[in-house]
Amino acid sequence: MAEFADAFALLPKQVKSTYRKFMHGDFRINLHHEELAQLSKDIGKSSNRLAFSVITASIIMASSIIIHSGKGPLLFGLPVFGLIGYVIAGILGFWILIGILRSGQL
């Protein structure tokens, strides 16, 4: 109980000192978060996945336009560049899926 009495006796002085620091702009709060580095890593990983996904979707769209145009060298009656685009998009999509499944954050 004596410990609490000492703490309460010092409390008004501490509050006054804190108030003065606050009013003079000398009041500072230092915050350290241990999981912030992991959050930064996770945001970076998510950004990379999003970028890969947008690129993959763009390749699919471009390949679809090429296929629909029917122009260029043909393979099995379809434009070769469109087919190559689909293969590249499939590989990138599979790569993204593997990365997501490996992380366990589907």
PDB file of N, CA and C in Angstrom:
ATOM      1  N   MET A   1       0.809  -1.181   0.000  1.00  0.00           N
ATOM      2  CA  MET A   1       0.000   0.000   0.000  1.00  0.00           C
ATOM      3  C   MET A   1       0.867   1.266   0.000  1.00  0.00           C
ATOM      4  N   ALA A   2       2.033   1.169   0.594  1.00  0.00           N
ATOM      5  CA  ALA A   2       2.927   2.324   0.646  1.00  0.00           C
ATOM      6  C   ALA A   2       3.406   2.700  -0.752  1.00  0.00           C
ATOM      7  N   GLU A   3       3.546   1.704  -1.617  1.00  0.00           N
ATOM      8  CA  GLU A   3       3.968   1.967  -2.991  1.00  0.00           C
ATOM      9  C   GLU A   3       2.929   2.817  -3.721  1.00  0.00           C
ATOM     10  N   PHE A   4       1.658   2.496  -3.503  1.00  0.00           N
ATOM     11  CA  PHE A   4       0.593   3.269  -4.140  1.00  0.00           C
ATOM     12  C   PHE A   4       0.538   4.687  -3.594  1.00  0.00           C
ATOM     13  N   ALA A   5       0.784   4.829  -2.318  1.00  0.00           N
ATOM     14  CA  ALA A   5       0.762   6.162  -1.704  1.00  0.00           C
ATOM     15  C   ALA A   5       1.853   7.043  -2.301  1.00  0.00           C
ATOM     16  N   ASP A   6       3.044   6.468  -2.500  1.00  0.00           N
ATOM     17  CA  ASP A   6       4.133   7.225  -3.121  1.00  0.00           C
ATOM     18  C   ASP A   6       3.796   7.598  -4.560  1.00  0.00           C
ATOM     19  N   ALA A   7       3.217   6.644  -5.300  1.00  0.00           N
ATOM     20  CA  ALA A   7       2.857   6.899  -6.697  1.00  0.00           C
ATOM     21  C   ALA A   7       1.805   7.996  -6.796  1.00  0.00           C
ATOM     22  N   PHE A   8       0.808   7.944  -5.908  1.00  0.00           N
ATOM     23  CA  PHE A   8      -0.245   8.961  -5.921  1.00  0.00           C
ATOM     24  C   PHE A   8       0.277  10.324  -5.458  1.00  0.00           C
ATOM     25  N   ALA A   9       1.266  10.329  -4.593  1.00  0.00           N
ATOM     26  CA  ALA A   9       1.838  11.595  -4.137  1.00  0.00           C
ATOM     27  C   ALA A   9       2.590  12.292  -5.282  1.00  0.00           C
ATOM     28  N   LEU A  10       3.231  11.507  -6.141  1.00  0.00           N
ATOM     29  CA  LEU A  10       3.985  12.065  -7.264  1.00  0.00           C
ATOM     30  C   LEU A  10       3.110  12.380  -8.475  1.00  0.00           C
ATOM     31  N   LEU A  11       1.906  11.818  -8.526  1.00  0.00           N
ATOM     32  CA  LEU A  11       1.047  11.955  -9.693  1.00  0.00           C
ATOM     33  C   LEU A  11       0.739  13.407 -10.078  1.00  0.00           C
ATOM     34  N   PRO A  12       0.372  14.292  -9.171  1.00  0.00           N
ATOM     35  CA  PRO A  12       0.084  15.685  -9.587  1.00  0.00           C
ATOM     36  C   PRO A  12       1.292  16.376 -10.217  1.00  0.00           C
ATOM     37  N   LYS A  13       2.497  16.125  -9.685  1.00  0.00           N
ATOM     38  CA  LYS A  13       3.703  16.727 -10.253  1.00  0.00           C
ATOM     39  C   LYS A  13       3.962  16.193 -11.661  1.00  0.00           C
ATOM     40  N   GLN A  14       3.740  14.910 -11.844  1.00  0.00           N
ATOM     41  CA  GLN A  14       3.960  14.299 -13.150  1.00  0.00           C
ATOM     42  C   GLN A  14       2.946  14.813 -14.174  1.00  0.00           C
ATOM     43  N   VAL A  15       1.710  14.945 -13.746  1.00  0.00           N
ATOM     44  CA  VAL A  15       0.680  15.465 -14.648  1.00  0.00           C
ATOM     45  C   VAL A  15       1.004  16.907 -15.033  1.00  0.00           C
ATOM     46  N   LYS A  16       1.426  17.711 -14.063  1.00  0.00           N
ATOM     47  CA  LYS A  16       1.781  19.112 -14.321  1.00  0.00           C
ATOM     48  C   LYS A  16       2.968  19.194 -15.281  1.00  0.00           C
ATOM     49  N   SER A  17       3.979  18.355 -15.061  1.00  0.00           N
ATOM     50  CA  SER A  17       5.161  18.341 -15.924  1.00  0.00           C
ATOM     51  C   SER A  17       4.786  17.924 -17.344  1.00  0.00           C
ATOM     52  N   THR A  18       3.946  16.930 -17.466  1.00  0.00           N
ATOM     53  CA  THR A  18       3.500  16.468 -18.779  1.00  0.00           C
ATOM     54  C   THR A  18       2.694  17.548 -19.483  1.00  0.00           C
ATOM     55  N   TYR A  19       1.829  18.217 -18.765  1.00  0.00           N
ATOM     56  CA  TYR A  19       1.018  19.292 -19.320  1.00  0.00           C
ATOM     57  C   TYR A  19       1.911  20.434 -19.841  1.00  0.00           C
ATOM     58  N   ARG A  20       2.929  20.803 -19.069  1.00  0.00           N
ATOM     59  CA  ARG A  20       3.850  21.866 -19.488  1.00  0.00           C
ATOM     60  C   ARG A  20       4.579  21.473 -20.778  1.00  0.00           C
ATOM     61  N   LYS A  21       5.065  20.243 -20.822  1.00  0.00           N
ATOM     62  CA  LYS A  21       5.758  19.770 -22.026  1.00  0.00           C
ATOM     63  C   LYS A  21       4.817  19.811 -23.226  1.00  0.00           C
ATOM     64  N   PHE A  22       3.591  19.409 -23.009  1.00  0.00           N
ATOM     65  CA  PHE A  22       2.608  19.402 -24.087  1.00  0.00           C
ATOM     66  C   PHE A  22       2.341  20.817 -24.590  1.00  0.00           C
ATOM     67  N   MET A  23       2.191  21.745 -23.691  1.00  0.00           N
ATOM     68  CA  MET A  23       1.881  23.131 -24.051  1.00  0.00           C
ATOM     69  C   MET A  23       3.067  23.817 -24.750  1.00  0.00           C
ATOM     70  N   HIS A  24       4.285  23.421 -24.425  1.00  0.00           N
ATOM     71  CA  HIS A  24       5.465  24.019 -25.041  1.00  0.00           C
ATOM     72  C   HIS A  24       5.939  23.259 -26.286  1.00  0.00           C
ATOM     73  N   GLY A  25       5.231  22.244 -26.656  1.00  0.00           N
ATOM     74  CA  GLY A  25       5.608  21.471 -27.841  1.00  0.00           C
ATOM     75  C   GLY A  25       6.758  20.520 -27.614  1.00  0.00           C
ATOM     76  N   ASP A  26       7.085  20.231 -26.385  1.00  0.00           N
ATOM     77  CA  ASP A  26       8.181  19.311 -26.066  1.00  0.00           C
ATOM     78  C   ASP A  26       7.693  17.902 -25.769  1.00  0.00           C
ATOM     79  N   PHE A  27       6.421  17.688 -25.877  1.00  0.00           N
ATOM     80  CA  PHE A  27       5.833  16.385 -25.543  1.00  0.00           C
ATOM     81  C   PHE A  27       6.050  15.430 -26.716  1.00  0.00           C
ATOM     82  N   ARG A  28       6.651  14.296 -26.451  1.00  0.00           N
ATOM     83  CA  ARG A  28       6.927  13.312 -27.498  1.00  0.00           C
ATOM     84  C   ARG A  28       6.454  11.935 -27.054  1.00  0.00           C
ATOM     85  N   ILE A  29       5.988  11.193 -28.035  1.00  0.00           N
ATOM     86  CA  ILE A  29       5.592   9.810 -27.790  1.00  0.00           C
ATOM     87  C   ILE A  29       6.414   8.944 -28.730  1.00  0.00           C
ATOM     88  N   ASN A  30       7.118   7.982 -28.185  1.00  0.00           N
ATOM     89  CA  ASN A  30       7.885   7.031 -28.983  1.00  0.00           C
ATOM     90  C   ASN A  30       7.102   5.731 -29.040  1.00  0.00           C
ATOM     91  N   LEU A  31       6.824   5.287 -30.256  1.00  0.00           N
ATOM     92  CA  LEU A  31       6.038   4.077 -30.464  1.00  0.00           C
ATOM     93  C   LEU A  31       6.870   3.093 -31.267  1.00  0.00           C
ATOM     94  N   HIS A  32       6.993   1.892 -30.765  1.00  0.00           N
ATOM     95  CA  HIS A  32       7.729   0.845 -31.458  1.00  0.00           C
ATOM     96  C   HIS A  32       6.796  -0.353 -31.600  1.00  0.00           C
ATOM     97  N   HIS A  33       6.576  -0.751 -32.829  1.00  0.00           N
ATOM     98  CA  HIS A  33       5.698  -1.887 -33.083  1.00  0.00           C
ATOM     99  C   HIS A  33       6.539  -3.015 -33.662  1.00  0.00           C
ATOM    100  N   GLU A  34       6.529  -4.145 -33.023  1.00  0.00           N
ATOM    101  CA  GLU A  34       7.413  -5.241 -33.412  1.00  0.00           C
ATOM    102  C   GLU A  34       6.972  -5.924 -34.702  1.00  0.00           C
ATOM    103  N   GLU A  35       5.700  -5.875 -35.045  1.00  0.00           N
ATOM    104  CA  GLU A  35       5.204  -6.565 -36.226  1.00  0.00           C
ATOM    105  C   GLU A  35       5.177  -5.671 -37.464  1.00  0.00           C
ATOM    106  N   LEU A  36       5.663  -4.449 -37.354  1.00  0.00           N
ATOM    107  CA  LEU A  36       5.609  -3.517 -38.473  1.00  0.00           C
ATOM    108  C   LEU A  36       6.465  -3.989 -39.642  1.00  0.00           C
ATOM    109  N   ALA A  37       7.593  -4.584 -39.378  1.00  0.00           N
ATOM    110  CA  ALA A  37       8.458  -5.083 -40.456  1.00  0.00           C
ATOM    111  C   ALA A  37       7.755  -6.197 -41.227  1.00  0.00           C
ATOM    112  N   GLN A  38       7.061  -7.072 -40.526  1.00  0.00           N
ATOM    113  CA  GLN A  38       6.333  -8.160 -41.185  1.00  0.00           C
ATOM    114  C   GLN A  38       5.192  -7.607 -42.024  1.00  0.00           C
ATOM    115  N   LEU A  39       4.516  -6.586 -41.506  1.00  0.00           N
ATOM    116  CA  LEU A  39       3.440  -5.951 -42.260  1.00  0.00           C
ATOM    117  C   LEU A  39       3.986  -5.352 -43.549  1.00  0.00           C
ATOM    118  N   SER A  40       5.128  -4.712 -43.472  1.00  0.00           N
ATOM    119  CA  SER A  40       5.753  -4.131 -44.655  1.00  0.00           C
ATOM    120  C   SER A  40       6.085  -5.211 -45.685  1.00  0.00           C
ATOM    121  N   LYS A  41       6.597  -6.350 -45.224  1.00  0.00           N
ATOM    122  CA  LYS A  41       6.894  -7.468 -46.119  1.00  0.00           C
ATOM    123  C   LYS A  41       5.625  -7.979 -46.787  1.00  0.00           C
ATOM    124  N   ASP A  42       4.566  -8.130 -45.991  1.00  0.00           N
ATOM    125  CA  ASP A  42       3.306  -8.639 -46.526  1.00  0.00           C
ATOM    126  C   ASP A  42       2.706  -7.689 -47.555  1.00  0.00           C
ATOM    127  N   ILE A  43       2.807  -6.395 -47.318  1.00  0.00           N
ATOM    128  CA  ILE A  43       2.290  -5.416 -48.273  1.00  0.00           C
ATOM    129  C   ILE A  43       3.105  -5.477 -49.568  1.00  0.00           C
ATOM    130  N   GLY A  44       4.421  -5.614 -49.445  1.00  0.00           N
ATOM    131  CA  GLY A  44       5.272  -5.741 -50.630  1.00  0.00           C
ATOM    132  C   GLY A  44       4.922  -6.982 -51.435  1.00  0.00           C
ATOM    133  N   LYS A  45       4.716  -8.092 -50.742  1.00  0.00           N
ATOM    134  CA  LYS A  45       4.364  -9.343 -51.414  1.00  0.00           C
ATOM    135  C   LYS A  45       3.014  -9.206 -52.123  1.00  0.00           C
ATOM    136  N   SER A  46       2.056  -8.581 -51.451  1.00  0.00           N
ATOM    137  CA  SER A  46       0.738  -8.381 -52.053  1.00  0.00           C
ATOM    138  C   SER A  46       0.816  -7.469 -53.274  1.00  0.00           C
ATOM    139  N   SER A  47       1.643  -6.443 -53.194  1.00  0.00           N
ATOM    140  CA  SER A  47       1.812  -5.530 -54.332  1.00  0.00           C
ATOM    141  C   SER A  47       2.399  -6.261 -55.529  1.00  0.00           C
ATOM    142  N   ASN A  48       3.375  -7.105 -55.275  1.00  0.00           N
ATOM    143  CA  ASN A  48       3.972  -7.880 -56.368  1.00  0.00           C
ATOM    144  C   ASN A  48       2.956  -8.820 -56.999  1.00  0.00           C
ATOM    145  N   ARG A  49       2.155  -9.471 -56.179  1.00  0.00           N
ATOM    146  CA  ARG A  49       1.130 -10.370 -56.706  1.00  0.00           C
ATOM    147  C   ARG A  49       0.099  -9.603 -57.521  1.00  0.00           C
ATOM    148  N   LEU A  50      -0.272  -8.442 -57.029  1.00  0.00           N
ATOM    149  CA  LEU A  50      -1.243  -7.625 -57.749  1.00  0.00           C
ATOM    150  C   LEU A  50      -0.666  -7.182 -59.096  1.00  0.00           C
ATOM    151  N   ALA A  51       0.593  -6.779 -59.117  1.00  0.00           N
ATOM    152  CA  ALA A  51       1.237  -6.364 -60.367  1.00  0.00           C
ATOM    153  C   ALA A  51       1.289  -7.532 -61.352  1.00  0.00           C
ATOM    154  N   PHE A  52       1.675  -8.700 -60.895  1.00  0.00           N
ATOM    155  CA  PHE A  52       1.706  -9.880 -61.755  1.00  0.00           C
ATOM    156  C   PHE A  52       0.316 -10.195 -62.286  1.00  0.00           C
ATOM    157  N   SER A  53      -0.688 -10.053 -61.438  1.00  0.00           N
ATOM    158  CA  SER A  53      -2.063 -10.340 -61.859  1.00  0.00           C
ATOM    159  C   SER A  53      -2.526  -9.362 -62.933  1.00  0.00           C
ATOM    160  N   VAL A  54      -2.206  -8.091 -62.777  1.00  0.00           N
ATOM    161  CA  VAL A  54      -2.590  -7.085 -63.777  1.00  0.00           C
ATOM    162  C   VAL A  54      -1.872  -7.354 -65.096  1.00  0.00           C
ATOM    163  N   ILE A  55      -0.596  -7.700 -65.027  1.00  0.00           N
ATOM    164  CA  ILE A  55       0.161  -8.012 -66.245  1.00  0.00           C
ATOM    165  C   ILE A  55      -0.424  -9.243 -66.925  1.00  0.00           C
ATOM    166  N   THR A  56      -0.744 -10.266 -66.145  1.00  0.00           N
ATOM    167  CA  THR A  56      -1.338 -11.482 -66.692  1.00  0.00           C
ATOM    168  C   THR A  56      -2.673 -11.183 -67.364  1.00  0.00           C
ATOM    169  N   ALA A  57      -3.511 -10.392 -66.701  1.00  0.00           N
ATOM    170  CA  ALA A  57      -4.807 -10.029 -67.284  1.00  0.00           C
ATOM    171  C   ALA A  57      -4.617  -9.230 -68.571  1.00  0.00           C
ATOM    172  N   SER A  58      -3.622  -8.352 -68.599  1.00  0.00           N
ATOM    173  CA  SER A  58      -3.348  -7.565 -69.808  1.00  0.00           C
ATOM    174  C   SER A  58      -2.908  -8.461 -70.958  1.00  0.00           C
ATOM    175  N   ILE A  59      -2.080  -9.429 -70.660  1.00  0.00           N
ATOM    176  CA  ILE A  59      -1.630 -10.360 -71.708  1.00  0.00           C
ATOM    177  C   ILE A  59      -2.812 -11.163 -72.235  1.00  0.00           C
ATOM    178  N   ILE A  60      -3.699 -11.583 -71.350  1.00  0.00           N
ATOM    179  CA  ILE A  60      -4.889 -12.326 -71.785  1.00  0.00           C
ATOM    180  C   ILE A  60      -5.757 -11.456 -72.688  1.00  0.00           C
ATOM    181  N   MET A  61      -5.950 -10.198 -72.303  1.00  0.00           N
ATOM    182  CA  MET A  61      -6.761  -9.290 -73.119  1.00  0.00           C
ATOM    183  C   MET A  61      -6.117  -9.072 -74.496  1.00  0.00           C
ATOM    184  N   ALA A  62      -4.821  -8.808 -74.513  1.00  0.00           N
ATOM    185  CA  ALA A  62      -4.119  -8.585 -75.781  1.00  0.00           C
ATOM    186  C   ALA A  62      -4.172  -9.836 -76.653  1.00  0.00           C
ATOM    187  N   SER A  63      -3.990 -10.990 -76.052  1.00  0.00           N
ATOM    188  CA  SER A  63      -4.033 -12.244 -76.806  1.00  0.00           C
ATOM    189  C   SER A  63      -5.431 -12.485 -77.374  1.00  0.00           C
ATOM    190  N   SER A  64      -6.438 -12.139 -76.600  1.00  0.00           N
ATOM    191  CA  SER A  64      -7.811 -12.299 -77.084  1.00  0.00           C
ATOM    192  C   SER A  64      -8.084 -11.401 -78.279  1.00  0.00           C
ATOM    193  N   ILE A  65      -7.576 -10.179 -78.238  1.00  0.00           N
ATOM    194  CA  ILE A  65      -7.742  -9.259 -79.379  1.00  0.00           C
ATOM    195  C   ILE A  65      -7.026  -9.804 -80.603  1.00  0.00           C
ATOM    196  N   ILE A  66      -5.824 -10.325 -80.401  1.00  0.00           N
ATOM    197  CA  ILE A  66      -5.058 -10.890 -81.518  1.00  0.00           C
ATOM    198  C   ILE A  66      -5.779 -12.103 -82.087  1.00  0.00           C
ATOM    199  N   ILE A  67      -6.270 -12.978 -81.246  1.00  0.00           N
ATOM    200  CA  ILE A  67      -6.996 -14.171 -81.704  1.00  0.00           C
ATOM    201  C   ILE A  67      -8.237 -13.748 -82.485  1.00  0.00           C
ATOM    202  N   HIS A  68      -8.949 -12.772 -81.950  1.00  0.00           N
ATOM    203  CA  HIS A  68     -10.184 -12.310 -82.594  1.00  0.00           C
ATOM    204  C   HIS A  68      -9.901 -11.667 -83.955  1.00  0.00           C
ATOM    205  N   SER A  69      -8.748 -11.013 -84.093  1.00  0.00           N
ATOM    206  CA  SER A  69      -8.419 -10.363 -85.368  1.00  0.00           C
ATOM    207  C   SER A  69      -8.139 -11.378 -86.464  1.00  0.00           C
ATOM    208  N   GLY A  70      -7.581 -12.504 -86.086  1.00  0.00           N
ATOM    209  CA  GLY A  70      -7.278 -13.554 -87.065  1.00  0.00           C
ATOM    210  C   GLY A  70      -6.105 -13.225 -87.971  1.00  0.00           C
ATOM    211  N   LYS A  71      -5.338 -12.236 -87.651  1.00  0.00           N
ATOM    212  CA  LYS A  71      -4.216 -11.795 -88.492  1.00  0.00           C
ATOM    213  C   LYS A  71      -2.903 -12.439 -88.050  1.00  0.00           C
ATOM    214  N   GLY A  72      -1.959 -12.478 -88.949  1.00  0.00           N
ATOM    215  CA  GLY A  72      -0.634 -12.993 -88.641  1.00  0.00           C
ATOM    216  C   GLY A  72      -0.513 -14.459 -88.985  1.00  0.00           C
ATOM    217  N   PRO A  73       0.654 -15.032 -88.720  1.00  0.00           N
ATOM    218  CA  PRO A  73       0.855 -16.460 -88.997  1.00  0.00           C
ATOM    219  C   PRO A  73      -0.096 -17.306 -88.146  1.00  0.00           C
ATOM    220  N   LEU A  74      -0.626 -18.359 -88.756  1.00  0.00           N
ATOM    221  CA  LEU A  74      -1.622 -19.189 -88.082  1.00  0.00           C
ATOM    222  C   LEU A  74      -1.043 -20.539 -87.677  1.00  0.00           C
ATOM    223  N   LEU A  75      -1.535 -21.044 -86.577  1.00  0.00           N
ATOM    224  CA  LEU A  75      -1.204 -22.384 -86.103  1.00  0.00           C
ATOM    225  C   LEU A  75      -2.518 -22.985 -85.615  1.00  0.00           C
ATOM    226  N   PHE A  76      -2.935 -24.089 -86.227  1.00  0.00           N
ATOM    227  CA  PHE A  76      -4.227 -24.713 -85.934  1.00  0.00           C
ATOM    228  C   PHE A  76      -5.375 -23.729 -86.189  1.00  0.00           C
ATOM    229  N   GLY A  77      -5.190 -22.859 -87.170  1.00  0.00           N
ATOM    230  CA  GLY A  77      -6.220 -21.905 -87.542  1.00  0.00           C
ATOM    231  C   GLY A  77      -6.309 -20.687 -86.635  1.00  0.00           C
ATOM    232  N   LEU A  78      -5.372 -20.550 -85.702  1.00  0.00           N
ATOM    233  CA  LEU A  78      -5.376 -19.408 -84.776  1.00  0.00           C
ATOM    234  C   LEU A  78      -4.055 -18.659 -84.886  1.00  0.00           C
ATOM    235  N   PRO A  79      -4.086 -17.335 -84.694  1.00  0.00           N
ATOM    236  CA  PRO A  79      -2.840 -16.553 -84.767  1.00  0.00           C
ATOM    237  C   PRO A  79      -1.815 -17.018 -83.715  1.00  0.00           C
ATOM    238  N   VAL A  80      -0.585 -17.183 -84.150  1.00  0.00           N
ATOM    239  CA  VAL A  80       0.490 -17.693 -83.305  1.00  0.00           C
ATOM    240  C   VAL A  80       0.766 -16.754 -82.126  1.00  0.00           C
ATOM    241  N   PHE A  81       0.775 -15.445 -82.384  1.00  0.00           N
ATOM    242  CA  PHE A  81       1.083 -14.505 -81.307  1.00  0.00           C
ATOM    243  C   PHE A  81       0.012 -14.535 -80.208  1.00  0.00           C
ATOM    244  N   GLY A  82      -1.225 -14.753 -80.602  1.00  0.00           N
ATOM    245  CA  GLY A  82      -2.295 -14.885 -79.607  1.00  0.00           C
ATOM    246  C   GLY A  82      -2.111 -16.135 -78.767  1.00  0.00           C
ATOM    247  N   LEU A  83      -1.750 -17.227 -79.412  1.00  0.00           N
ATOM    248  CA  LEU A  83      -1.511 -18.478 -78.683  1.00  0.00           C
ATOM    249  C   LEU A  83      -0.310 -18.353 -77.748  1.00  0.00           C
ATOM    250  N   ILE A  84       0.751 -17.688 -78.221  1.00  0.00           N
ATOM    251  CA  ILE A  84       1.938 -17.474 -77.370  1.00  0.00           C
ATOM    252  C   ILE A  84       1.556 -16.643 -76.149  1.00  0.00           C
ATOM    253  N   GLY A  85       0.730 -15.629 -76.367  1.00  0.00           N
ATOM    254  CA  GLY A  85       0.268 -14.797 -75.251  1.00  0.00           C
ATOM    255  C   GLY A  85      -0.510 -15.602 -74.232  1.00  0.00           C
ATOM    256  N   TYR A  86      -1.382 -16.491 -74.716  1.00  0.00           N
ATOM    257  CA  TYR A  86      -2.135 -17.336 -73.782  1.00  0.00           C
ATOM    258  C   TYR A  86      -1.213 -18.259 -72.978  1.00  0.00           C
ATOM    259  N   VAL A  87      -0.199 -18.803 -73.630  1.00  0.00           N
ATOM    260  CA  VAL A  87       0.747 -19.683 -72.932  1.00  0.00           C
ATOM    261  C   VAL A  87       1.505 -18.890 -71.863  1.00  0.00           C
ATOM    262  N   ILE A  88       1.975 -17.692 -72.223  1.00  0.00           N
ATOM    263  CA  ILE A  88       2.700 -16.857 -71.247  1.00  0.00           C
ATOM    264  C   ILE A  88       1.780 -16.487 -70.083  1.00  0.00           C
ATOM    265  N   ALA A  89       0.534 -16.101 -70.385  1.00  0.00           N
ATOM    266  CA  ALA A  89      -0.418 -15.746 -69.329  1.00  0.00           C
ATOM    267  C   ALA A  89      -0.711 -16.950 -68.443  1.00  0.00           C
ATOM    268  N   GLY A  90      -0.796 -18.129 -69.055  1.00  0.00           N
ATOM    269  CA  GLY A  90      -1.033 -19.350 -68.268  1.00  0.00           C
ATOM    270  C   GLY A  90       0.129 -19.640 -67.325  1.00  0.00           C
ATOM    271  N   ILE A  91       1.346 -19.467 -67.810  1.00  0.00           N
ATOM    272  CA  ILE A  91       2.529 -19.695 -66.969  1.00  0.00           C
ATOM    273  C   ILE A  91       2.570 -18.695 -65.820  1.00  0.00           C
ATOM    274  N   LEU A  92       2.344 -17.398 -66.139  1.00  0.00           N
ATOM    275  CA  LEU A  92       2.343 -16.380 -65.080  1.00  0.00           C
ATOM    276  C   LEU A  92       1.230 -16.635 -64.061  1.00  0.00           C
ATOM    277  N   GLY A  93       0.042 -16.994 -64.544  1.00  0.00           N
ATOM    278  CA  GLY A  93      -1.069 -17.286 -63.639  1.00  0.00           C
ATOM    279  C   GLY A  93      -0.764 -18.476 -62.743  1.00  0.00           C
ATOM    280  N   PHE A  94      -0.156 -19.505 -63.320  1.00  0.00           N
ATOM    281  CA  PHE A  94       0.227 -20.680 -62.529  1.00  0.00           C
ATOM    282  C   PHE A  94       1.271 -20.305 -61.488  1.00  0.00           C
ATOM    283  N   TRP A  95       2.220 -19.445 -61.867  1.00  0.00           N
ATOM    284  CA  TRP A  95       3.270 -18.988 -60.954  1.00  0.00           C
ATOM    285  C   TRP A  95       2.662 -18.217 -59.780  1.00  0.00           C
ATOM    286  N   ILE A  96       1.717 -17.350 -60.070  1.00  0.00           N
ATOM    287  CA  ILE A  96       1.031 -16.603 -59.009  1.00  0.00           C
ATOM    288  C   ILE A  96       0.304 -17.562 -58.080  1.00  0.00           C
ATOM    289  N   LEU A  97      -0.409 -18.521 -58.659  1.00  0.00           N
ATOM    290  CA  LEU A  97      -1.158 -19.485 -57.852  1.00  0.00           C
ATOM    291  C   LEU A  97      -0.241 -20.299 -56.947  1.00  0.00           C
ATOM    292  N   ILE A  98       0.890 -20.742 -57.470  1.00  0.00           N
ATOM    293  CA  ILE A  98       1.857 -21.503 -56.661  1.00  0.00           C
ATOM    294  C   ILE A  98       2.363 -20.643 -55.501  1.00  0.00           C
ATOM    295  N   GLY A  99       2.688 -19.384 -55.783  1.00  0.00           N
ATOM    296  CA  GLY A  99       3.156 -18.483 -54.718  1.00  0.00           C
ATOM    297  C   GLY A  99       2.119 -18.284 -53.633  1.00  0.00           C
ATOM    298  N   ILE A 100       0.863 -18.157 -54.026  1.00  0.00           N
ATOM    299  CA  ILE A 100      -0.209 -17.978 -53.035  1.00  0.00           C
ATOM    300  C   ILE A 100      -0.394 -19.244 -52.220  1.00  0.00           C
ATOM    301  N   LEU A 101      -0.396 -20.387 -52.881  1.00  0.00           N
ATOM    302  CA  LEU A 101      -0.576 -21.647 -52.146  1.00  0.00           C
ATOM    303  C   LEU A 101       0.593 -21.943 -51.213  1.00  0.00           C
ATOM    304  N   ARG A 102       1.805 -21.605 -51.632  1.00  0.00           N
ATOM    305  CA  ARG A 102       2.974 -21.807 -50.769  1.00  0.00           C
ATOM    306  C   ARG A 102       2.911 -20.958 -49.509  1.00  0.00           C
ATOM    307  N   SER A 103       2.401 -19.738 -49.646  1.00  0.00           N
ATOM    308  CA  SER A 103       2.330 -18.857 -48.486  1.00  0.00           C
ATOM    309  C   SER A 103       1.204 -19.256 -47.546  1.00  0.00           C
ATOM    310  N   GLY A 104       0.249 -20.016 -48.069  1.00  0.00           N
ATOM    311  CA  GLY A 104      -0.878 -20.432 -47.231  1.00  0.00           C
ATOM    312  C   GLY A 104      -1.888 -19.337 -46.990  1.00  0.00           C
ATOM    313  N   GLN A 105      -1.847 -18.288 -47.776  1.00  0.00           N
ATOM    314  CA  GLN A 105      -2.763 -17.160 -47.607  1.00  0.00           C
ATOM    315  C   GLN A 105      -3.637 -17.004 -48.832  1.00  0.00           C
ATOM    316  N   LEU A 106      -4.476 -17.978 -49.076  1.00  0.00           N
ATOM    317  CA  LEU A 106      -5.339 -17.950 -50.251  1.00  0.00           C
ATOM    318  C   LEU A 106      -6.467 -17.042 -50.082  1.00  0.00           C
TER     319      LEU A 106
END
